[in-house]
């Protein structure tokens, strides 16, 4: 596995514990989030936060620009 991982769905019920585990394993985590301020309150300081929204293709293109490995942890309704 890459030592750098971008995550969509990092602030959810499954995402938060997963992020903590990845950091414990020495993985550099970038969280792609809709609201950076809210995510900053929830996620550990080691996580790089990048704004992006699944409903906004342009924001995803910007957020994913330097992503080598992506983990998508998102539920749909």
PDB file of N, CA and C in Angstrom:
ATOM      1  N   UNK A   1       0.836  -1.184   0.000  1.00  0.00           N
ATOM      2  CA  UNK A   1       0.000   0.000   0.000  1.00  0.00           C
ATOM      3  C   UNK A   1       0.875   1.239   0.000  1.00  0.00           C
ATOM      4  N   UNK A   2       0.399   2.249  -0.693  1.00  0.00           N
ATOM      5  CA  UNK A   2       1.101   3.527  -0.734  1.00  0.00           C
ATOM      6  C   UNK A   2       1.184   4.143   0.656  1.00  0.00           C
ATOM      7  N   UNK A   3       2.216   4.916   0.891  1.00  0.00           N
ATOM      8  CA  UNK A   3       2.359   5.609   2.169  1.00  0.00           C
ATOM      9  C   UNK A   3       1.552   6.898   2.186  1.00  0.00           C
ATOM     10  N   UNK A   4       0.908   7.225   1.071  1.00  0.00           N
ATOM     11  CA  UNK A   4       0.038   8.392   0.990  1.00  0.00           C
ATOM     12  C   UNK A   4      -1.296   7.930   0.451  1.00  0.00           C
ATOM     13  N   UNK A   5      -2.369   8.371   1.100  1.00  0.00           N
ATOM     14  CA  UNK A   5      -3.700   7.929   0.713  1.00  0.00           C
ATOM     15  C   UNK A   5      -4.663   9.101   0.818  1.00  0.00           C
ATOM     16  N   UNK A   6      -5.449   9.323  -0.230  1.00  0.00           N
ATOM     17  CA  UNK A   6      -6.523  10.307  -0.180  1.00  0.00           C
ATOM     18  C   UNK A   6      -7.810   9.566   0.129  1.00  0.00           C
ATOM     19  N   UNK A   7      -8.660  10.187   0.948  1.00  0.00           N
ATOM     20  CA  UNK A   7      -9.886   9.533   1.401  1.00  0.00           C
ATOM     21  C   UNK A   7     -11.077  10.444   1.160  1.00  0.00           C
ATOM     22  N   UNK A   8     -12.100   9.893   0.536  1.00  0.00           N
ATOM     23  CA  UNK A   8     -13.404  10.542   0.450  1.00  0.00           C
ATOM     24  C   UNK A   8     -14.303   9.783   1.415  1.00  0.00           C
ATOM     25  N   UNK A   9     -14.961  10.502   2.313  1.00  0.00           N
ATOM     26  CA  UNK A   9     -15.790   9.879   3.344  1.00  0.00           C
ATOM     27  C   UNK A   9     -15.055   9.758   4.665  1.00  0.00           C
ATOM     28  N   UNK A  10     -14.088  10.629   4.888  1.00  0.00           N
ATOM     29  CA  UNK A  10     -13.232  10.546   6.080  1.00  0.00           C
ATOM     30  C   UNK A  10     -13.930  10.954   7.367  1.00  0.00           C
ATOM     31  N   UNK A  11     -15.002  11.729   7.283  1.00  0.00           N
ATOM     32  CA  UNK A  11     -15.627  12.250   8.501  1.00  0.00           C
ATOM     33  C   UNK A  11     -16.854  11.466   8.944  1.00  0.00           C
ATOM     34  N   UNK A  12     -17.123  10.356   8.301  1.00  0.00           N
ATOM     35  CA  UNK A  12     -18.285   9.548   8.660  1.00  0.00           C
ATOM     36  C   UNK A  12     -17.993   8.573   9.792  1.00  0.00           C
ATOM     37  N   UNK A  13     -19.003   7.797  10.150  1.00  0.00           N
ATOM     38  CA  UNK A  13     -18.886   6.839  11.262  1.00  0.00           C
ATOM     39  C   UNK A  13     -17.813   5.791  11.011  1.00  0.00           C
ATOM     40  N   UNK A  14     -17.644   5.376   9.781  1.00  0.00           N
ATOM     41  CA  UNK A  14     -16.586   4.415   9.449  1.00  0.00           C
ATOM     42  C   UNK A  14     -15.266   5.117   9.149  1.00  0.00           C
ATOM     43  N   UNK A  15     -15.360   6.311   8.586  1.00  0.00           N
ATOM     44  CA  UNK A  15     -14.170   7.033   8.164  1.00  0.00           C
ATOM     45  C   UNK A  15     -13.277   7.500   9.295  1.00  0.00           C
ATOM     46  N   UNK A  16     -13.865   8.027  10.360  1.00  0.00           N
ATOM     47  CA  UNK A  16     -13.066   8.576  11.455  1.00  0.00           C
ATOM     48  C   UNK A  16     -12.164   7.516  12.095  1.00  0.00           C
ATOM     49  N   UNK A  17     -12.701   6.353  12.501  1.00  0.00           N
ATOM     50  CA  UNK A  17     -11.797   5.345  13.069  1.00  0.00           C
ATOM     51  C   UNK A  17     -10.761   4.836  12.064  1.00  0.00           C
ATOM     52  N   UNK A  18     -11.152   4.759  10.790  1.00  0.00           N
ATOM     53  CA  UNK A  18     -10.215   4.316   9.761  1.00  0.00           C
ATOM     54  C   UNK A  18      -9.060   5.307   9.632  1.00  0.00           C
ATOM     55  N   UNK A  19      -9.363   6.601   9.659  1.00  0.00           N
ATOM     56  CA  UNK A  19      -8.335   7.637   9.569  1.00  0.00           C
ATOM     57  C   UNK A  19      -7.347   7.505  10.721  1.00  0.00           C
ATOM     58  N   UNK A  20      -7.858   7.316  11.929  1.00  0.00           N
ATOM     59  CA  UNK A  20      -6.975   7.149  13.089  1.00  0.00           C
ATOM     60  C   UNK A  20      -6.059   5.943  12.913  1.00  0.00           C
ATOM     61  N   UNK A  21      -6.600   4.853  12.402  1.00  0.00           N
ATOM     62  CA  UNK A  21      -5.811   3.630  12.194  1.00  0.00           C
ATOM     63  C   UNK A  21      -4.734   3.836  11.119  1.00  0.00           C
ATOM     64  N   UNK A  22      -5.095   4.508  10.047  1.00  0.00           N
ATOM     65  CA  UNK A  22      -4.115   4.780   8.989  1.00  0.00           C
ATOM     66  C   UNK A  22      -2.961   5.620   9.514  1.00  0.00           C
ATOM     67  N   UNK A  23      -3.260   6.630  10.314  1.00  0.00           N
ATOM     68  CA  UNK A  23      -2.221   7.477  10.891  1.00  0.00           C
ATOM     69  C   UNK A  23      -1.327   6.662  11.812  1.00  0.00           C
ATOM     70  N   UNK A  24      -1.918   5.783  12.611  1.00  0.00           N
ATOM     71  CA  UNK A  24      -1.131   4.911  13.496  1.00  0.00           C
ATOM     72  C   UNK A  24      -0.174   4.036  12.698  1.00  0.00           C
ATOM     73  N   UNK A  25      -0.558   3.680  11.481  1.00  0.00           N
ATOM     74  CA  UNK A  25       0.271   2.835  10.627  1.00  0.00           C
ATOM     75  C   UNK A  25       1.271   3.635   9.801  1.00  0.00           C
ATOM     76  N   UNK A  26       1.328   4.945  10.040  1.00  0.00           N
ATOM     77  CA  UNK A  26       2.307   5.774   9.346  1.00  0.00           C
ATOM     78  C   UNK A  26       1.911   6.212   7.955  1.00  0.00           C
ATOM     79  N   UNK A  27       0.638   6.109   7.636  1.00  0.00           N
ATOM     80  CA  UNK A  27       0.144   6.533   6.326  1.00  0.00           C
ATOM     81  C   UNK A  27      -0.123   8.034   6.360  1.00  0.00           C
ATOM     82  N   UNK A  28       0.331   8.731   5.331  1.00  0.00           N
ATOM     83  CA  UNK A  28       0.032  10.164   5.181  1.00  0.00           C
ATOM     84  C   UNK A  28      -1.357  10.272   4.561  1.00  0.00           C
ATOM     85  N   UNK A  29      -2.294  10.884   5.288  1.00  0.00           N
ATOM     86  CA  UNK A  29      -3.693  10.914   4.865  1.00  0.00           C
ATOM     87  C   UNK A  29      -4.104  12.316   4.427  1.00  0.00           C
ATOM     88  N   UNK A  30      -4.741  12.366   3.262  1.00  0.00           N
ATOM     89  CA  UNK A  30      -5.390  13.575   2.783  1.00  0.00           C
ATOM     90  C   UNK A  30      -6.886  13.283   2.750  1.00  0.00           C
ATOM     91  N   UNK A  31      -7.669  14.086   3.455  1.00  0.00           N
ATOM     92  CA  UNK A  31      -9.115  13.911   3.469  1.00  0.00           C
ATOM     93  C   UNK A  31      -9.743  14.924   2.521  1.00  0.00           C
ATOM     94  N   UNK A  32     -10.542  14.431   1.602  1.00  0.00           N
ATOM     95  CA  UNK A  32     -11.274  15.295   0.690  1.00  0.00           C
ATOM     96  C   UNK A  32     -12.648  15.496   1.311  1.00  0.00           C
ATOM     97  N   UNK A  33     -12.917  16.725   1.718  1.00  0.00           N
ATOM     98  CA  UNK A  33     -14.111  17.019   2.516  1.00  0.00           C
ATOM     99  C   UNK A  33     -14.891  18.192   1.915  1.00  0.00           C
ATOM    100  N   UNK A  34     -16.187  18.224   2.206  1.00  0.00           N
ATOM    101  CA  UNK A  34     -17.010  19.350   1.751  1.00  0.00           C
ATOM    102  C   UNK A  34     -16.775  20.596   2.592  1.00  0.00           C
ATOM    103  N   UNK A  35     -16.553  20.406   3.897  1.00  0.00           N
ATOM    104  CA  UNK A  35     -16.427  21.537   4.811  1.00  0.00           C
ATOM    105  C   UNK A  35     -15.132  21.386   5.602  1.00  0.00           C
ATOM    106  N   UNK A  36     -14.121  22.142   5.236  1.00  0.00           N
ATOM    107  CA  UNK A  36     -12.802  22.035   5.863  1.00  0.00           C
ATOM    108  C   UNK A  36     -12.863  22.410   7.344  1.00  0.00           C
ATOM    109  N   UNK A  37     -13.591  23.461   7.686  1.00  0.00           N
ATOM    110  CA  UNK A  37     -13.680  23.892   9.094  1.00  0.00           C
ATOM    111  C   UNK A  37     -14.289  22.803   9.968  1.00  0.00           C
ATOM    112  N   UNK A  38     -15.370  22.199   9.520  1.00  0.00           N
ATOM    113  CA  UNK A  38     -16.023  21.126  10.278  1.00  0.00           C
ATOM    114  C   UNK A  38     -15.103  19.907  10.395  1.00  0.00           C
ATOM    115  N   UNK A  39     -14.458  19.543   9.299  1.00  0.00           N
ATOM    116  CA  UNK A  39     -13.550  18.393   9.318  1.00  0.00           C
ATOM    117  C   UNK A  39     -12.365  18.641  10.240  1.00  0.00           C
ATOM    118  N   UNK A  40     -11.916  19.877  10.317  1.00  0.00           N
ATOM    119  CA  UNK A  40     -10.799  20.243  11.187  1.00  0.00           C
ATOM    120  C   UNK A  40     -11.135  19.994  12.652  1.00  0.00           C
ATOM    121  N   UNK A  41     -12.413  20.095  13.002  1.00  0.00           N
ATOM    122  CA  UNK A  41     -12.870  19.837  14.371  1.00  0.00           C
ATOM    123  C   UNK A  41     -12.957  18.339  14.665  1.00  0.00           C
ATOM    124  N   UNK A  42     -13.078  17.532  13.623  1.00  0.00           N
ATOM    125  CA  UNK A  42     -13.337  16.099  13.775  1.00  0.00           C
ATOM    126  C   UNK A  42     -12.099  15.233  13.580  1.00  0.00           C
ATOM    127  N   UNK A  43     -11.270  15.596  12.638  1.00  0.00           N
ATOM    128  CA  UNK A  43     -10.138  14.745  12.258  1.00  0.00           C
ATOM    129  C   UNK A  43      -8.851  15.183  12.954  1.00  0.00           C
ATOM    130  N   UNK A  44      -7.915  14.246  13.117  1.00  0.00           N
ATOM    131  CA  UNK A  44      -6.629  14.575  13.750  1.00  0.00           C
ATOM    132  C   UNK A  44      -5.858  15.633  12.951  1.00  0.00           C
ATOM    133  N   UNK A  45      -5.024  16.360  13.645  1.00  0.00           N
ATOM    134  CA  UNK A  45      -4.249  17.446  13.037  1.00  0.00           C
ATOM    135  C   UNK A  45      -3.307  16.945  11.944  1.00  0.00           C
ATOM    136  N   UNK A  46      -2.916  15.682  11.982  1.00  0.00           N
ATOM    137  CA  UNK A  46      -1.994  15.126  10.983  1.00  0.00           C
ATOM    138  C   UNK A  46      -2.623  14.989   9.603  1.00  0.00           C
ATOM    139  N   UNK A  47      -3.941  15.047   9.534  1.00  0.00           N
ATOM    140  CA  UNK A  47      -4.647  14.850   8.273  1.00  0.00           C
ATOM    141  C   UNK A  47      -4.652  16.155   7.476  1.00  0.00           C
ATOM    142  N   UNK A  48      -4.228  16.062   6.222  1.00  0.00           N
ATOM    143  CA  UNK A  48      -4.304  17.211   5.324  1.00  0.00           C
ATOM    144  C   UNK A  48      -5.739  17.276   4.801  1.00  0.00           C
ATOM    145  N   UNK A  49      -6.337  18.446   4.873  1.00  0.00           N
ATOM    146  CA  UNK A  49      -7.717  18.620   4.438  1.00  0.00           C
ATOM    147  C   UNK A  49      -7.758  19.373   3.121  1.00  0.00           C
ATOM    148  N   UNK A  50      -8.514  18.828   2.169  1.00  0.00           N
ATOM    149  CA  UNK A  50      -8.681  19.438   0.864  1.00  0.00           C
ATOM    150  C   UNK A  50     -10.175  19.488   0.576  1.00  0.00           C
ATOM    151  N   UNK A  51     -10.644  20.645   0.141  1.00  0.00           N
ATOM    152  CA  UNK A  51     -12.068  20.794  -0.141  1.00  0.00           C
ATOM    153  C   UNK A  51     -12.437  20.155  -1.466  1.00  0.00           C
ATOM    154  N   UNK A  52     -13.507  19.362  -1.437  1.00  0.00           N
ATOM    155  CA  UNK A  52     -14.026  18.719  -2.633  1.00  0.00           C
ATOM    156  C   UNK A  52     -15.399  18.149  -2.344  1.00  0.00           C
ATOM    157  N   UNK A  53     -16.238  18.066  -3.350  1.00  0.00           N
ATOM    158  CA  UNK A  53     -17.611  17.595  -3.180  1.00  0.00           C
ATOM    159  C   UNK A  53     -17.942  16.644  -4.326  1.00  0.00           C
ATOM    160  N   UNK A  54     -18.512  15.500  -3.998  1.00  0.00           N
ATOM    161  CA  UNK A  54     -18.876  14.518  -5.027  1.00  0.00           C
ATOM    162  C   UNK A  54     -19.870  15.075  -6.041  1.00  0.00           C
ATOM    163  N   UNK A  55     -20.628  16.085  -5.660  1.00  0.00           N
ATOM    164  CA  UNK A  55     -21.606  16.683  -6.565  1.00  0.00           C
ATOM    165  C   UNK A  55     -21.011  17.780  -7.444  1.00  0.00           C
ATOM    166  N   UNK A  56     -19.729  18.072  -7.252  1.00  0.00           N
ATOM    167  CA  UNK A  56     -19.063  19.154  -7.985  1.00  0.00           C
ATOM    168  C   UNK A  56     -17.795  18.600  -8.637  1.00  0.00           C
ATOM    169  N   UNK A  57     -17.897  18.247  -9.903  1.00  0.00           N
ATOM    170  CA  UNK A  57     -16.799  17.597 -10.616  1.00  0.00           C
ATOM    171  C   UNK A  57     -15.535  18.453 -10.624  1.00  0.00           C
ATOM    172  N   UNK A  58     -15.685  19.759 -10.818  1.00  0.00           N
ATOM    173  CA  UNK A  58     -14.515  20.639 -10.840  1.00  0.00           C
ATOM    174  C   UNK A  58     -13.780  20.623  -9.501  1.00  0.00           C
ATOM    175  N   UNK A  59     -14.523  20.638  -8.392  1.00  0.00           N
ATOM    176  CA  UNK A  59     -13.874  20.598  -7.072  1.00  0.00           C
ATOM    177  C   UNK A  59     -13.157  19.268  -6.867  1.00  0.00           C
ATOM    178  N   UNK A  60     -13.732  18.177  -7.378  1.00  0.00           N
ATOM    179  CA  UNK A  60     -13.068  16.872  -7.257  1.00  0.00           C
ATOM    180  C   UNK A  60     -11.804  16.819  -8.094  1.00  0.00           C
ATOM    181  N   UNK A  61     -11.848  17.365  -9.283  1.00  0.00           N
ATOM    182  CA  UNK A  61     -10.647  17.410 -10.125  1.00  0.00           C
ATOM    183  C   UNK A  61      -9.521  18.138  -9.414  1.00  0.00           C
ATOM    184  N   UNK A  62      -9.835  19.267  -8.780  1.00  0.00           N
ATOM    185  CA  UNK A  62      -8.815  20.018  -8.038  1.00  0.00           C
ATOM    186  C   UNK A  62      -8.322  19.210  -6.836  1.00  0.00           C
ATOM    187  N   UNK A  63      -9.244  18.627  -6.085  1.00  0.00           N
ATOM    188  CA  UNK A  63      -8.886  17.897  -4.868  1.00  0.00           C
ATOM    189  C   UNK A  63      -8.053  16.651  -5.167  1.00  0.00           C
ATOM    190  N   UNK A  64      -8.307  16.011  -6.284  1.00  0.00           N
ATOM    191  CA  UNK A  64      -7.642  14.749  -6.629  1.00  0.00           C
ATOM    192  C   UNK A  64      -6.384  14.945  -7.469  1.00  0.00           C
ATOM    193  N   UNK A  65      -6.001  16.170  -7.718  1.00  0.00           N
ATOM    194  CA  UNK A  65      -4.908  16.475  -8.641  1.00  0.00           C
ATOM    195  C   UNK A  65      -3.633  15.675  -8.361  1.00  0.00           C
ATOM    196  N   UNK A  66      -3.187  15.589  -7.143  1.00  0.00           N
ATOM    197  CA  UNK A  66      -1.927  14.894  -6.820  1.00  0.00           C
ATOM    198  C   UNK A  66      -2.157  13.560  -6.113  1.00  0.00           C
ATOM    199  N   UNK A  67      -3.327  12.971  -6.317  1.00  0.00           N
ATOM    200  CA  UNK A  67      -3.666  11.724  -5.640  1.00  0.00           C
ATOM    201  C   UNK A  67      -3.135  10.526  -6.412  1.00  0.00           C
ATOM    202  N   UNK A  68      -2.382   9.685  -5.703  1.00  0.00           N
ATOM    203  CA  UNK A  68      -1.912   8.439  -6.294  1.00  0.00           C
ATOM    204  C   UNK A  68      -2.836   7.291  -5.954  1.00  0.00           C
ATOM    205  N   UNK A  69      -3.340   7.290  -4.713  1.00  0.00           N
ATOM    206  CA  UNK A  69      -4.236   6.228  -4.240  1.00  0.00           C
ATOM    207  C   UNK A  69      -5.426   6.879  -3.561  1.00  0.00           C
ATOM    208  N   UNK A  70      -6.621   6.433  -3.934  1.00  0.00           N
ATOM    209  CA  UNK A  70      -7.857   6.980  -3.382  1.00  0.00           C
ATOM    210  C   UNK A  70      -8.662   5.871  -2.727  1.00  0.00           C
ATOM    211  N   UNK A  71      -9.172   6.168  -1.523  1.00  0.00           N
ATOM    212  CA  UNK A  71     -10.111   5.273  -0.848  1.00  0.00           C
ATOM    213  C   UNK A  71     -11.434   6.006  -0.781  1.00  0.00           C
ATOM    214  N   UNK A  72     -12.475   5.441  -1.390  1.00  0.00           N
ATOM    215  CA  UNK A  72     -13.796   6.039  -1.404  1.00  0.00           C
ATOM    216  C   UNK A  72     -14.670   5.312  -0.393  1.00  0.00           C
ATOM    217  N   UNK A  73     -15.034   6.031   0.664  1.00  0.00           N
ATOM    218  CA  UNK A  73     -15.833   5.471   1.752  1.00  0.00           C
ATOM    219  C   UNK A  73     -17.067   6.348   1.880  1.00  0.00           C
ATOM    220  N   UNK A  74     -17.982   6.189   0.945  1.00  0.00           N
ATOM    221  CA  UNK A  74     -19.132   7.081   0.897  1.00  0.00           C
ATOM    222  C   UNK A  74     -20.406   6.286   0.714  1.00  0.00           C
ATOM    223  N   UNK A  75     -21.399   6.622   1.516  1.00  0.00           N
ATOM    224  CA  UNK A  75     -22.707   5.987   1.336  1.00  0.00           C
ATOM    225  C   UNK A  75     -23.559   6.912   0.483  1.00  0.00           C
ATOM    226  N   UNK A  76     -24.535   6.347  -0.170  1.00  0.00           N
ATOM    227  CA  UNK A  76     -25.435   7.151  -0.986  1.00  0.00           C
ATOM    228  C   UNK A  76     -26.854   6.944  -0.493  1.00  0.00           C
ATOM    229  N   UNK A  77     -27.661   7.929  -0.752  1.00  0.00           N
ATOM    230  CA  UNK A  77     -29.080   7.848  -0.359  1.00  0.00           C
ATOM    231  C   UNK A  77     -29.962   7.995  -1.565  1.00  0.00           C
TER     232      UNK A  77
END
